[in-house]
Amino acid sequence: MTAIARMAVLNLRTVAPYRNQGLVLFGLIALIFAEKSPVALVPALVLLVIPQIAAYPFLVADKADLETLYAVLPLPRRSVLYGHYAWAMANFLATATAGTALALLIARAQAVPFSGRTLVTMLTLSWAIFAINVAIQLPLLIRFGYTRISILATTMPLALVILTVLQLHLHLTITPIQIWLPLLWVAGVAAIMTSAAVAITADQRRVH
């Protein structure tokens, strides 16, 4: 297991006491969108659940002073930081997988059309939402910690994601789907990679 993977597993163990809160939030959103639109279920889960779960390690770190533990771990500091990104990515994969399976089941039960193109569009939009959130949220949390920046780190990405989604929706009718879907995946990867680089600098300037 790599150093980054070990840090991601440590985050998993750290936030284990909060698993019920995450499951309840997941269930509530699933219930709401099961009635409205199963197609929007996965983007909604990514938009509303993952930012909270991704921030849990920082919440626990502030409460239990885990930065002291991180400092003595036999892990490079970059692995600690990248481990937060790996943790967020793991949550995206788990949420997208579970949400997609649930959305397909709901769509089938309600006889709602759910084509392959719809599925790809839903997952692409979910990826874009995730990438924007992570790219903004994690550097802020890494520099300032959860206590100082918790509200800003969650509301700012959400606001930008909503604006991006609205802008994307306005252009869907004039942009060929074959072009913008791949671009969103590539842009998401680029945003996360840039964010990780910014996080290194943010960590060096961390406010204690």
N, C-alpha and C. Protein backbone atom coordinates (compact mmCIF):
# COMPACT_ATOMS: atom_id res chain seq x y z
N MET A 1 0.84 -1.20 0.00
CA MET A 1 0.00 0.00 0.00
C MET A 1 0.88 1.25 0.00
N THR A 2 0.58 2.18 -0.89
CA THR A 2 1.38 3.40 -0.98
C THR A 2 1.12 4.31 0.22
N ALA A 3 1.99 5.30 0.37
CA ALA A 3 1.84 6.25 1.48
C ALA A 3 0.53 7.03 1.35
N ILE A 4 0.17 7.39 0.11
CA ILE A 4 -1.06 8.14 -0.10
C ILE A 4 -2.27 7.28 0.25
N ALA A 5 -2.23 6.01 -0.14
CA ALA A 5 -3.33 5.11 0.19
C ALA A 5 -3.44 4.90 1.70
N ARG A 6 -2.31 4.81 2.39
CA ARG A 6 -2.35 4.65 3.85
C ARG A 6 -2.99 5.87 4.51
N MET A 7 -2.70 7.05 3.97
CA MET A 7 -3.30 8.27 4.52
C MET A 7 -4.80 8.28 4.26
N ALA A 8 -5.22 7.83 3.09
CA ALA A 8 -6.65 7.77 2.79
C ALA A 8 -7.35 6.80 3.73
N VAL A 9 -6.71 5.67 4.02
CA VAL A 9 -7.29 4.69 4.96
C VAL A 9 -7.36 5.29 6.36
N LEU A 10 -6.33 6.05 6.75
CA LEU A 10 -6.37 6.73 8.05
C LEU A 10 -7.54 7.69 8.13
N ASN A 11 -7.81 8.41 7.04
CA ASN A 11 -8.98 9.29 7.00
C ASN A 11 -10.27 8.49 7.19
N LEU A 12 -10.33 7.34 6.55
CA LEU A 12 -11.51 6.48 6.69
C LEU A 12 -11.73 6.09 8.15
N ARG A 13 -10.68 5.69 8.81
CA ARG A 13 -10.80 5.30 10.22
C ARG A 13 -11.11 6.51 11.10
N THR A 14 -10.56 7.65 10.72
CA THR A 14 -10.78 8.87 11.50
C THR A 14 -12.24 9.28 11.50
N VAL A 15 -12.89 9.16 10.35
CA VAL A 15 -14.27 9.65 10.23
C VAL A 15 -15.31 8.56 10.48
N ALA A 16 -14.86 7.38 10.85
CA ALA A 16 -15.80 6.27 11.09
C ALA A 16 -16.94 6.64 12.04
N PRO A 17 -16.68 7.40 13.12
CA PRO A 17 -17.79 7.76 14.01
C PRO A 17 -18.88 8.61 13.35
N TYR A 18 -18.56 9.22 12.20
CA TYR A 18 -19.53 10.08 11.51
C TYR A 18 -20.25 9.35 10.36
N ARG A 19 -20.03 8.05 10.25
CA ARG A 19 -20.60 7.33 9.10
C ARG A 19 -22.12 7.38 9.08
N ASN A 20 -22.74 7.34 10.27
CA ASN A 20 -24.21 7.35 10.31
C ASN A 20 -24.76 8.68 9.79
N GLN A 21 -24.08 9.78 10.09
CA GLN A 21 -24.53 11.08 9.58
C GLN A 21 -24.48 11.10 8.05
N GLY A 22 -23.41 10.56 7.49
CA GLY A 22 -23.28 10.51 6.05
C GLY A 22 -24.35 9.63 5.41
N LEU A 23 -24.63 8.49 6.03
CA LEU A 23 -25.64 7.58 5.50
C LEU A 23 -27.03 8.20 5.57
N VAL A 24 -27.31 8.91 6.65
CA VAL A 24 -28.62 9.57 6.78
C VAL A 24 -28.78 10.64 5.71
N LEU A 25 -27.73 11.44 5.50
CA LEU A 25 -27.79 12.47 4.47
C LEU A 25 -27.98 11.85 3.09
N PHE A 26 -27.26 10.77 2.83
CA PHE A 26 -27.40 10.05 1.56
C PHE A 26 -28.84 9.58 1.38
N GLY A 27 -29.40 8.99 2.43
CA GLY A 27 -30.76 8.47 2.36
C GLY A 27 -31.80 9.56 2.14
N LEU A 28 -31.63 10.69 2.81
CA LEU A 28 -32.60 11.79 2.66
C LEU A 28 -32.60 12.33 1.24
N ILE A 29 -31.40 12.53 0.69
CA ILE A 29 -31.31 13.04 -0.68
C ILE A 29 -31.88 12.04 -1.67
N ALA A 30 -31.62 10.75 -1.42
CA ALA A 30 -32.16 9.72 -2.30
C ALA A 30 -33.68 9.73 -2.28
N LEU A 31 -34.26 9.90 -1.11
CA LEU A 31 -35.72 9.94 -1.00
C LEU A 31 -36.30 11.15 -1.73
N ILE A 32 -35.66 12.28 -1.57
CA ILE A 32 -36.15 13.51 -2.21
C ILE A 32 -36.12 13.39 -3.73
N PHE A 33 -34.99 12.92 -4.27
CA PHE A 33 -34.85 12.89 -5.72
C PHE A 33 -35.48 11.65 -6.34
N ALA A 34 -35.80 10.66 -5.53
CA ALA A 34 -36.54 9.52 -6.06
C ALA A 34 -37.91 9.96 -6.54
N GLU A 35 -38.48 10.93 -5.85
CA GLU A 35 -39.78 11.46 -6.23
C GLU A 35 -39.69 12.45 -7.39
N LYS A 36 -38.59 13.22 -7.42
CA LYS A 36 -38.47 14.29 -8.42
C LYS A 36 -37.87 13.78 -9.73
N SER A 37 -36.65 13.31 -9.68
CA SER A 37 -35.97 12.87 -10.90
C SER A 37 -34.80 11.96 -10.56
N PRO A 38 -34.90 10.67 -10.88
CA PRO A 38 -33.77 9.77 -10.62
C PRO A 38 -32.53 10.15 -11.41
N VAL A 39 -32.71 10.84 -12.56
CA VAL A 39 -31.57 11.25 -13.36
C VAL A 39 -30.70 12.26 -12.61
N ALA A 40 -31.31 13.08 -11.77
CA ALA A 40 -30.58 14.10 -11.03
C ALA A 40 -30.04 13.59 -9.70
N LEU A 41 -30.27 12.32 -9.39
CA LEU A 41 -29.91 11.79 -8.08
C LEU A 41 -28.41 11.83 -7.83
N VAL A 42 -27.62 11.31 -8.76
CA VAL A 42 -26.17 11.24 -8.54
C VAL A 42 -25.55 12.63 -8.47
N PRO A 43 -25.85 13.56 -9.39
CA PRO A 43 -25.30 14.92 -9.21
C PRO A 43 -25.69 15.55 -7.89
N ALA A 44 -26.91 15.31 -7.44
CA ALA A 44 -27.34 15.87 -6.15
C ALA A 44 -26.55 15.28 -5.00
N LEU A 45 -26.32 13.98 -5.04
CA LEU A 45 -25.53 13.33 -3.99
C LEU A 45 -24.10 13.87 -3.97
N VAL A 46 -23.52 14.01 -5.15
CA VAL A 46 -22.15 14.52 -5.25
C VAL A 46 -22.08 15.96 -4.75
N LEU A 47 -23.10 16.74 -5.08
CA LEU A 47 -23.12 18.16 -4.70
C LEU A 47 -23.30 18.36 -3.20
N LEU A 48 -24.13 17.52 -2.58
CA LEU A 48 -24.53 17.77 -1.19
C LEU A 48 -23.86 16.86 -0.16
N VAL A 49 -23.43 15.68 -0.58
CA VAL A 49 -22.88 14.72 0.39
C VAL A 49 -21.36 14.77 0.44
N ILE A 50 -20.71 14.71 -0.71
CA ILE A 50 -19.25 14.58 -0.72
C ILE A 50 -18.52 15.77 -0.08
N PRO A 51 -18.95 17.03 -0.29
CA PRO A 51 -18.24 18.12 0.40
C PRO A 51 -18.23 17.96 1.91
N GLN A 52 -19.33 17.42 2.46
CA GLN A 52 -19.37 17.21 3.91
C GLN A 52 -18.42 16.10 4.34
N ILE A 53 -18.45 14.98 3.61
CA ILE A 53 -17.62 13.84 3.97
C ILE A 53 -16.14 14.15 3.77
N ALA A 54 -15.82 14.85 2.69
CA ALA A 54 -14.43 15.20 2.43
C ALA A 54 -13.85 16.09 3.51
N ALA A 55 -14.72 16.86 4.17
CA ALA A 55 -14.26 17.79 5.22
C ALA A 55 -14.19 17.13 6.59
N TYR A 56 -14.78 15.97 6.78
CA TYR A 56 -14.79 15.32 8.09
C TYR A 56 -13.39 15.10 8.67
N PRO A 57 -12.40 14.65 7.90
CA PRO A 57 -11.06 14.48 8.48
C PRO A 57 -10.49 15.77 9.06
N PHE A 58 -10.82 16.90 8.44
CA PHE A 58 -10.34 18.18 8.95
C PHE A 58 -11.08 18.58 10.23
N LEU A 59 -12.36 18.23 10.29
CA LEU A 59 -13.14 18.47 11.50
C LEU A 59 -12.55 17.70 12.67
N VAL A 60 -12.29 16.41 12.45
CA VAL A 60 -11.72 15.57 13.51
C VAL A 60 -10.31 16.03 13.85
N ALA A 61 -9.54 16.42 12.83
CA ALA A 61 -8.17 16.88 13.07
C ALA A 61 -8.14 18.10 13.96
N ASP A 62 -9.07 19.02 13.76
CA ASP A 62 -9.14 20.21 14.60
C ASP A 62 -9.53 19.85 16.03
N LYS A 63 -10.48 18.94 16.17
CA LYS A 63 -10.95 18.57 17.50
C LYS A 63 -9.90 17.80 18.29
N ALA A 64 -9.21 16.89 17.60
CA ALA A 64 -8.28 15.99 18.30
C ALA A 64 -6.81 16.35 18.08
N ASP A 65 -6.56 17.51 17.45
CA ASP A 65 -5.19 17.94 17.17
C ASP A 65 -4.41 16.86 16.43
N LEU A 66 -5.01 16.34 15.35
CA LEU A 66 -4.37 15.27 14.60
C LEU A 66 -3.18 15.77 13.78
N GLU A 67 -3.06 17.09 13.60
CA GLU A 67 -1.89 17.60 12.88
C GLU A 67 -0.60 17.20 13.59
N THR A 68 -0.67 17.10 14.92
CA THR A 68 0.50 16.64 15.68
C THR A 68 0.83 15.20 15.32
N LEU A 69 -0.21 14.38 15.19
CA LEU A 69 -0.01 12.99 14.77
C LEU A 69 0.53 12.91 13.36
N TYR A 70 -0.03 13.70 12.45
CA TYR A 70 0.44 13.68 11.07
C TYR A 70 1.93 14.03 10.99
N ALA A 71 2.37 14.94 11.88
CA ALA A 71 3.75 15.40 11.84
C ALA A 71 4.75 14.31 12.20
N VAL A 72 4.31 13.33 13.01
CA VAL A 72 5.23 12.27 13.45
C VAL A 72 5.02 10.97 12.69
N LEU A 73 4.06 10.94 11.80
CA LEU A 73 3.85 9.73 11.00
C LEU A 73 5.01 9.53 10.03
N PRO A 74 5.38 8.28 9.77
CA PRO A 74 6.46 8.03 8.80
C PRO A 74 5.97 8.18 7.36
N LEU A 75 5.37 9.33 7.08
CA LEU A 75 4.82 9.61 5.76
C LEU A 75 5.32 10.97 5.30
N PRO A 76 5.70 11.11 4.06
CA PRO A 76 6.04 12.45 3.54
C PRO A 76 4.84 13.37 3.67
N ARG A 77 5.12 14.64 3.90
CA ARG A 77 4.03 15.60 4.07
C ARG A 77 3.14 15.66 2.82
N ARG A 78 3.74 15.51 1.65
CA ARG A 78 2.94 15.53 0.43
C ARG A 78 1.97 14.35 0.39
N SER A 79 2.41 13.21 0.92
CA SER A 79 1.52 12.04 0.95
C SER A 79 0.34 12.29 1.87
N VAL A 80 0.57 13.01 2.97
CA VAL A 80 -0.53 13.36 3.87
C VAL A 80 -1.55 14.23 3.13
N LEU A 81 -1.05 15.22 2.42
CA LEU A 81 -1.94 16.14 1.70
C LEU A 81 -2.65 15.43 0.55
N TYR A 82 -1.90 14.67 -0.23
CA TYR A 82 -2.51 13.96 -1.35
C TYR A 82 -3.48 12.88 -0.86
N GLY A 83 -3.24 12.41 0.35
CA GLY A 83 -4.16 11.43 0.93
C GLY A 83 -5.56 11.99 1.11
N HIS A 84 -5.65 13.29 1.38
CA HIS A 84 -6.96 13.94 1.48
C HIS A 84 -7.68 13.92 0.13
N TYR A 85 -6.91 14.12 -0.93
CA TYR A 85 -7.50 14.06 -2.28
C TYR A 85 -7.91 12.63 -2.63
N ALA A 86 -7.08 11.67 -2.24
CA ALA A 86 -7.44 10.27 -2.49
C ALA A 86 -8.70 9.89 -1.72
N TRP A 87 -8.83 10.41 -0.51
CA TRP A 87 -10.02 10.16 0.29
C TRP A 87 -11.26 10.74 -0.39
N ALA A 88 -11.14 11.96 -0.89
CA ALA A 88 -12.27 12.58 -1.59
C ALA A 88 -12.61 11.79 -2.86
N MET A 89 -11.58 11.35 -3.59
CA MET A 89 -11.81 10.58 -4.81
C MET A 89 -12.51 9.25 -4.50
N ALA A 90 -12.08 8.60 -3.43
CA ALA A 90 -12.72 7.34 -3.04
C ALA A 90 -14.18 7.55 -2.71
N ASN A 91 -14.48 8.67 -2.08
CA ASN A 91 -15.87 8.98 -1.76
C ASN A 91 -16.69 9.26 -3.01
N PHE A 92 -16.06 9.92 -3.98
CA PHE A 92 -16.76 10.15 -5.25
C PHE A 92 -17.10 8.82 -5.93
N LEU A 93 -16.13 7.93 -6.00
CA LEU A 93 -16.35 6.64 -6.66
C LEU A 93 -17.44 5.84 -5.95
N ALA A 94 -17.39 5.82 -4.62
CA ALA A 94 -18.40 5.08 -3.86
C ALA A 94 -19.78 5.69 -4.02
N THR A 95 -19.84 7.02 -3.93
CA THR A 95 -21.13 7.71 -4.05
C THR A 95 -21.70 7.58 -5.45
N ALA A 96 -20.86 7.76 -6.45
CA ALA A 96 -21.33 7.66 -7.84
C ALA A 96 -21.79 6.24 -8.16
N THR A 97 -21.07 5.24 -7.66
CA THR A 97 -21.45 3.86 -7.93
C THR A 97 -22.78 3.51 -7.26
N ALA A 98 -22.88 3.82 -5.96
CA ALA A 98 -24.11 3.51 -5.24
C ALA A 98 -25.28 4.34 -5.77
N GLY A 99 -25.02 5.61 -6.05
CA GLY A 99 -26.08 6.48 -6.56
C GLY A 99 -26.57 6.06 -7.93
N THR A 100 -25.64 5.65 -8.80
CA THR A 100 -26.03 5.20 -10.13
C THR A 100 -26.89 3.94 -10.07
N ALA A 101 -26.47 2.98 -9.25
CA ALA A 101 -27.25 1.76 -9.10
C ALA A 101 -28.65 2.07 -8.58
N LEU A 102 -28.72 2.97 -7.61
CA LEU A 102 -30.02 3.34 -7.04
C LEU A 102 -30.87 4.09 -8.07
N ALA A 103 -30.25 5.00 -8.81
CA ALA A 103 -30.98 5.76 -9.84
C ALA A 103 -31.54 4.84 -10.91
N LEU A 104 -30.76 3.84 -11.32
CA LEU A 104 -31.24 2.89 -12.33
C LEU A 104 -32.41 2.07 -11.81
N LEU A 105 -32.33 1.68 -10.54
CA LEU A 105 -33.43 0.91 -9.95
C LEU A 105 -34.71 1.75 -9.86
N ILE A 106 -34.54 3.00 -9.43
CA ILE A 106 -35.71 3.89 -9.31
C ILE A 106 -36.31 4.17 -10.69
N ALA A 107 -35.44 4.44 -11.67
CA ALA A 107 -35.91 4.71 -13.02
C ALA A 107 -36.67 3.51 -13.59
N ARG A 108 -36.16 2.34 -13.32
CA ARG A 108 -36.84 1.13 -13.80
C ARG A 108 -38.19 0.96 -13.13
N ALA A 109 -38.23 1.21 -11.81
CA ALA A 109 -39.49 1.06 -11.08
C ALA A 109 -40.53 2.08 -11.53
N GLN A 110 -40.06 3.26 -11.91
CA GLN A 110 -40.97 4.33 -12.33
C GLN A 110 -41.16 4.37 -13.84
N ALA A 111 -40.53 3.44 -14.55
CA ALA A 111 -40.60 3.41 -16.02
C ALA A 111 -40.12 4.71 -16.64
N VAL A 112 -39.06 5.28 -16.05
CA VAL A 112 -38.46 6.50 -16.56
C VAL A 112 -37.36 6.13 -17.56
N PRO A 113 -37.36 6.71 -18.76
CA PRO A 113 -36.31 6.41 -19.74
C PRO A 113 -34.91 6.75 -19.18
N PHE A 114 -33.99 5.84 -19.35
CA PHE A 114 -32.64 6.04 -18.84
C PHE A 114 -31.66 5.43 -19.84
N SER A 115 -31.34 6.19 -20.88
CA SER A 115 -30.49 5.68 -21.95
C SER A 115 -29.02 5.73 -21.55
N GLY A 116 -28.19 5.12 -22.37
CA GLY A 116 -26.76 5.17 -22.11
C GLY A 116 -26.21 6.58 -22.16
N ARG A 117 -26.72 7.39 -23.09
CA ARG A 117 -26.28 8.78 -23.18
C ARG A 117 -26.67 9.55 -21.92
N THR A 118 -27.86 9.29 -21.41
CA THR A 118 -28.29 9.94 -20.17
C THR A 118 -27.37 9.57 -19.02
N LEU A 119 -26.99 8.30 -18.96
CA LEU A 119 -26.11 7.83 -17.90
C LEU A 119 -24.75 8.51 -17.99
N VAL A 120 -24.19 8.58 -19.19
CA VAL A 120 -22.89 9.22 -19.38
C VAL A 120 -22.95 10.71 -19.01
N THR A 121 -24.02 11.37 -19.43
CA THR A 121 -24.19 12.80 -19.11
C THR A 121 -24.29 13.00 -17.60
N MET A 122 -25.06 12.16 -16.93
CA MET A 122 -25.24 12.25 -15.49
C MET A 122 -23.90 12.09 -14.77
N LEU A 123 -23.12 11.10 -15.17
CA LEU A 123 -21.84 10.84 -14.51
C LEU A 123 -20.83 11.95 -14.82
N THR A 124 -20.87 12.46 -16.04
CA THR A 124 -19.96 13.55 -16.40
C THR A 124 -20.26 14.81 -15.60
N LEU A 125 -21.53 15.14 -15.48
CA LEU A 125 -21.92 16.30 -14.69
C LEU A 125 -21.53 16.10 -13.22
N SER A 126 -21.70 14.89 -12.72
CA SER A 126 -21.32 14.58 -11.34
C SER A 126 -19.82 14.77 -11.15
N TRP A 127 -19.03 14.31 -12.11
CA TRP A 127 -17.57 14.48 -12.04
C TRP A 127 -17.19 15.95 -12.02
N ALA A 128 -17.83 16.75 -12.87
CA ALA A 128 -17.52 18.18 -12.91
C ALA A 128 -17.86 18.85 -11.59
N ILE A 129 -18.99 18.49 -11.01
CA ILE A 129 -19.38 19.03 -9.71
C ILE A 129 -18.35 18.66 -8.64
N PHE A 130 -17.97 17.41 -8.64
CA PHE A 130 -16.98 16.93 -7.66
C PHE A 130 -15.65 17.67 -7.82
N ALA A 131 -15.18 17.78 -9.06
CA ALA A 131 -13.87 18.38 -9.31
C ALA A 131 -13.84 19.84 -8.86
N ILE A 132 -14.89 20.59 -9.16
CA ILE A 132 -14.94 21.99 -8.76
C ILE A 132 -14.94 22.11 -7.23
N ASN A 133 -15.75 21.29 -6.58
CA ASN A 133 -15.81 21.32 -5.13
C ASN A 133 -14.45 21.04 -4.50
N VAL A 134 -13.84 19.95 -4.92
CA VAL A 134 -12.56 19.53 -4.33
C VAL A 134 -11.47 20.54 -4.62
N ALA A 135 -11.44 21.05 -5.85
CA ALA A 135 -10.39 21.97 -6.25
C ALA A 135 -10.39 23.23 -5.40
N ILE A 136 -11.54 23.65 -4.92
CA ILE A 136 -11.64 24.86 -4.11
C ILE A 136 -11.60 24.53 -2.61
N GLN A 137 -12.31 23.49 -2.23
CA GLN A 137 -12.51 23.20 -0.82
C GLN A 137 -11.22 22.74 -0.13
N LEU A 138 -10.50 21.79 -0.70
CA LEU A 138 -9.38 21.19 0.01
C LEU A 138 -8.22 22.15 0.28
N PRO A 139 -7.79 22.98 -0.68
CA PRO A 139 -6.74 23.94 -0.33
C PRO A 139 -7.12 24.88 0.80
N LEU A 140 -8.38 25.30 0.84
CA LEU A 140 -8.84 26.17 1.93
C LEU A 140 -8.78 25.44 3.27
N LEU A 141 -9.25 24.20 3.29
CA LEU A 141 -9.24 23.43 4.53
C LEU A 141 -7.81 23.12 4.97
N ILE A 142 -6.94 22.84 4.00
CA ILE A 142 -5.55 22.52 4.33
C ILE A 142 -4.83 23.73 4.92
N ARG A 143 -5.09 24.89 4.40
CA ARG A 143 -4.40 26.07 4.93
C ARG A 143 -4.98 26.55 6.25
N PHE A 144 -6.32 26.62 6.34
CA PHE A 144 -6.93 27.27 7.49
C PHE A 144 -7.51 26.29 8.52
N GLY A 145 -7.75 25.05 8.12
CA GLY A 145 -8.39 24.11 9.03
C GLY A 145 -9.90 24.24 8.99
N TYR A 146 -10.58 23.25 9.54
CA TYR A 146 -12.03 23.20 9.46
C TYR A 146 -12.70 24.31 10.27
N THR A 147 -12.19 24.56 11.47
CA THR A 147 -12.84 25.51 12.37
C THR A 147 -12.90 26.90 11.77
N ARG A 148 -11.82 27.34 11.14
CA ARG A 148 -11.76 28.70 10.61
C ARG A 148 -12.50 28.86 9.28
N ILE A 149 -12.56 27.82 8.49
CA ILE A 149 -12.99 27.99 7.11
C ILE A 149 -14.15 27.08 6.72
N SER A 150 -14.77 26.39 7.66
CA SER A 150 -15.76 25.36 7.33
C SER A 150 -16.91 25.89 6.49
N ILE A 151 -17.47 27.04 6.86
CA ILE A 151 -18.61 27.58 6.12
C ILE A 151 -18.19 28.02 4.72
N LEU A 152 -17.09 28.77 4.65
CA LEU A 152 -16.61 29.25 3.36
C LEU A 152 -16.24 28.10 2.44
N ALA A 153 -15.60 27.07 3.00
CA ALA A 153 -15.12 25.96 2.18
C ALA A 153 -16.23 25.09 1.64
N THR A 154 -17.42 25.22 2.20
CA THR A 154 -18.54 24.43 1.67
C THR A 154 -19.47 25.28 0.82
N THR A 155 -19.73 26.52 1.25
CA THR A 155 -20.69 27.34 0.50
C THR A 155 -20.10 27.90 -0.79
N MET A 156 -18.82 28.26 -0.79
CA MET A 156 -18.22 28.81 -2.00
C MET A 156 -18.19 27.78 -3.13
N PRO A 157 -17.69 26.57 -2.89
CA PRO A 157 -17.73 25.59 -3.98
C PRO A 157 -19.14 25.30 -4.46
N LEU A 158 -20.09 25.21 -3.54
CA LEU A 158 -21.46 24.92 -3.93
C LEU A 158 -22.01 26.03 -4.82
N ALA A 159 -21.73 27.28 -4.45
CA ALA A 159 -22.22 28.40 -5.25
C ALA A 159 -21.61 28.39 -6.65
N LEU A 160 -20.30 28.12 -6.72
CA LEU A 160 -19.64 28.08 -8.02
C LEU A 160 -20.13 26.90 -8.86
N VAL A 161 -20.38 25.77 -8.20
CA VAL A 161 -20.89 24.61 -8.92
C VAL A 161 -22.26 24.92 -9.51
N ILE A 162 -23.12 25.55 -8.72
CA ILE A 162 -24.46 25.88 -9.21
C ILE A 162 -24.38 26.81 -10.41
N LEU A 163 -23.51 27.82 -10.32
CA LEU A 163 -23.34 28.75 -11.44
C LEU A 163 -22.81 28.03 -12.67
N THR A 164 -21.86 27.10 -12.45
CA THR A 164 -21.30 26.35 -13.57
C THR A 164 -22.35 25.47 -14.22
N VAL A 165 -23.16 24.82 -13.40
CA VAL A 165 -24.21 23.95 -13.93
C VAL A 165 -25.21 24.76 -14.74
N LEU A 166 -25.58 25.92 -14.22
CA LEU A 166 -26.52 26.77 -14.95
C LEU A 166 -25.93 27.22 -16.28
N GLN A 167 -24.65 27.59 -16.24
CA GLN A 167 -23.98 28.02 -17.46
C GLN A 167 -23.91 26.87 -18.46
N LEU A 168 -23.59 25.69 -17.94
CA LEU A 168 -23.51 24.51 -18.80
C LEU A 168 -24.87 24.20 -19.42
N HIS A 169 -25.90 24.30 -18.63
CA HIS A 169 -27.26 24.01 -19.11
C HIS A 169 -27.64 24.95 -20.25
N LEU A 170 -27.21 26.20 -20.16
CA LEU A 170 -27.55 27.17 -21.19
C LEU A 170 -26.87 26.87 -22.52
N HIS A 171 -25.73 26.15 -22.45
CA HIS A 171 -24.98 25.89 -23.67
C HIS A 171 -25.16 24.48 -24.22
N LEU A 172 -25.93 23.67 -23.51
CA LEU A 172 -26.09 22.29 -23.96
C LEU A 172 -26.72 22.21 -25.35
N THR A 173 -27.61 23.15 -25.65
CA THR A 173 -28.32 23.06 -26.91
C THR A 173 -27.46 23.47 -28.10
N ILE A 174 -26.35 24.17 -27.86
CA ILE A 174 -25.53 24.62 -28.98
C ILE A 174 -24.16 23.95 -29.01
N THR A 175 -23.82 23.19 -27.99
CA THR A 175 -22.54 22.50 -27.95
C THR A 175 -22.76 21.01 -28.17
N PRO A 176 -22.14 20.42 -29.17
CA PRO A 176 -22.32 18.99 -29.42
C PRO A 176 -21.91 18.17 -28.21
N ILE A 177 -22.71 17.19 -27.87
CA ILE A 177 -22.43 16.38 -26.68
C ILE A 177 -21.10 15.66 -26.80
N GLN A 178 -20.71 15.29 -28.02
CA GLN A 178 -19.45 14.57 -28.20
C GLN A 178 -18.25 15.43 -27.83
N ILE A 179 -18.41 16.76 -27.83
CA ILE A 179 -17.30 17.64 -27.53
C ILE A 179 -17.22 17.98 -26.05
N TRP A 180 -18.33 18.42 -25.47
CA TRP A 180 -18.25 18.95 -24.11
C TRP A 180 -18.12 17.87 -23.04
N LEU A 181 -18.61 16.66 -23.28
CA LEU A 181 -18.47 15.62 -22.26
C LEU A 181 -17.00 15.25 -22.01
N PRO A 182 -16.22 14.92 -23.03
CA PRO A 182 -14.80 14.64 -22.78
C PRO A 182 -14.06 15.82 -22.18
N LEU A 183 -14.42 17.03 -22.63
CA LEU A 183 -13.75 18.22 -22.10
C LEU A 183 -13.98 18.38 -20.60
N LEU A 184 -15.17 18.04 -20.14
CA LEU A 184 -15.46 18.14 -18.71
C LEU A 184 -14.62 17.17 -17.90
N TRP A 185 -14.43 15.97 -18.42
CA TRP A 185 -13.59 15.00 -17.71
C TRP A 185 -12.14 15.48 -17.63
N VAL A 186 -11.63 15.97 -18.76
CA VAL A 186 -10.25 16.46 -18.79
C VAL A 186 -10.10 17.69 -17.91
N ALA A 187 -11.07 18.61 -17.98
CA ALA A 187 -11.01 19.82 -17.17
C ALA A 187 -11.06 19.47 -15.68
N GLY A 188 -11.86 18.46 -15.33
CA GLY A 188 -11.94 18.04 -13.93
C GLY A 188 -10.62 17.51 -13.42
N VAL A 189 -9.96 16.68 -14.23
CA VAL A 189 -8.64 16.15 -13.85
C VAL A 189 -7.64 17.28 -13.68
N ALA A 190 -7.65 18.22 -14.63
CA ALA A 190 -6.74 19.35 -14.56
C ALA A 190 -7.00 20.20 -13.33
N ALA A 191 -8.27 20.41 -13.00
CA ALA A 191 -8.61 21.21 -11.82
C ALA A 191 -8.11 20.57 -10.54
N ILE A 192 -8.25 19.26 -10.43
CA ILE A 192 -7.81 18.56 -9.22
C ILE A 192 -6.28 18.57 -9.12
N MET A 193 -5.61 18.35 -10.23
CA MET A 193 -4.14 18.37 -10.22
C MET A 193 -3.62 19.76 -9.85
N THR A 194 -4.24 20.79 -10.39
CA THR A 194 -3.85 22.16 -10.05
C THR A 194 -4.12 22.45 -8.58
N SER A 195 -5.27 21.98 -8.11
CA SER A 195 -5.63 22.17 -6.70
C SER A 195 -4.62 21.51 -5.78
N ALA A 196 -4.19 20.29 -6.14
CA ALA A 196 -3.21 19.59 -5.30
C ALA A 196 -1.90 20.37 -5.23
N ALA A 197 -1.49 20.97 -6.34
CA ALA A 197 -0.28 21.78 -6.34
C ALA A 197 -0.45 23.02 -5.47
N VAL A 198 -1.63 23.64 -5.57
CA VAL A 198 -1.92 24.80 -4.73
C VAL A 198 -1.93 24.41 -3.26
N ALA A 199 -2.43 23.21 -2.96
CA ALA A 199 -2.52 22.75 -1.57
C ALA A 199 -1.14 22.66 -0.92
N ILE A 200 -0.11 22.29 -1.71
CA ILE A 200 1.25 22.23 -1.17
C ILE A 200 1.69 23.60 -0.69
N THR A 201 1.46 24.62 -1.52
CA THR A 201 1.80 25.99 -1.13
C THR A 201 0.95 26.46 0.04
N ALA A 202 -0.34 26.13 0.01
CA ALA A 202 -1.24 26.53 1.10
C ALA A 202 -0.79 25.91 2.42
N ASP A 203 -0.31 24.68 2.37
CA ASP A 203 0.14 24.01 3.60
C ASP A 203 1.37 24.70 4.17
N GLN A 204 2.26 25.16 3.30
CA GLN A 204 3.46 25.84 3.77
C GLN A 204 3.13 27.18 4.44
N ARG A 205 1.98 27.75 4.09
CA ARG A 205 1.56 29.02 4.67
C ARG A 205 0.44 28.83 5.69
N ARG A 206 0.28 27.62 6.15
CA ARG A 206 -0.83 27.27 7.02
C ARG A 206 -0.91 28.18 8.23
N VAL A 207 -2.15 28.64 8.56
CA VAL A 207 -2.38 29.45 9.74
C VAL A 207 -2.66 28.52 10.91
N HIS A 208 -1.81 28.54 11.91
CA HIS A 208 -1.95 27.64 13.06
C HIS A 208 -2.74 28.32 14.19
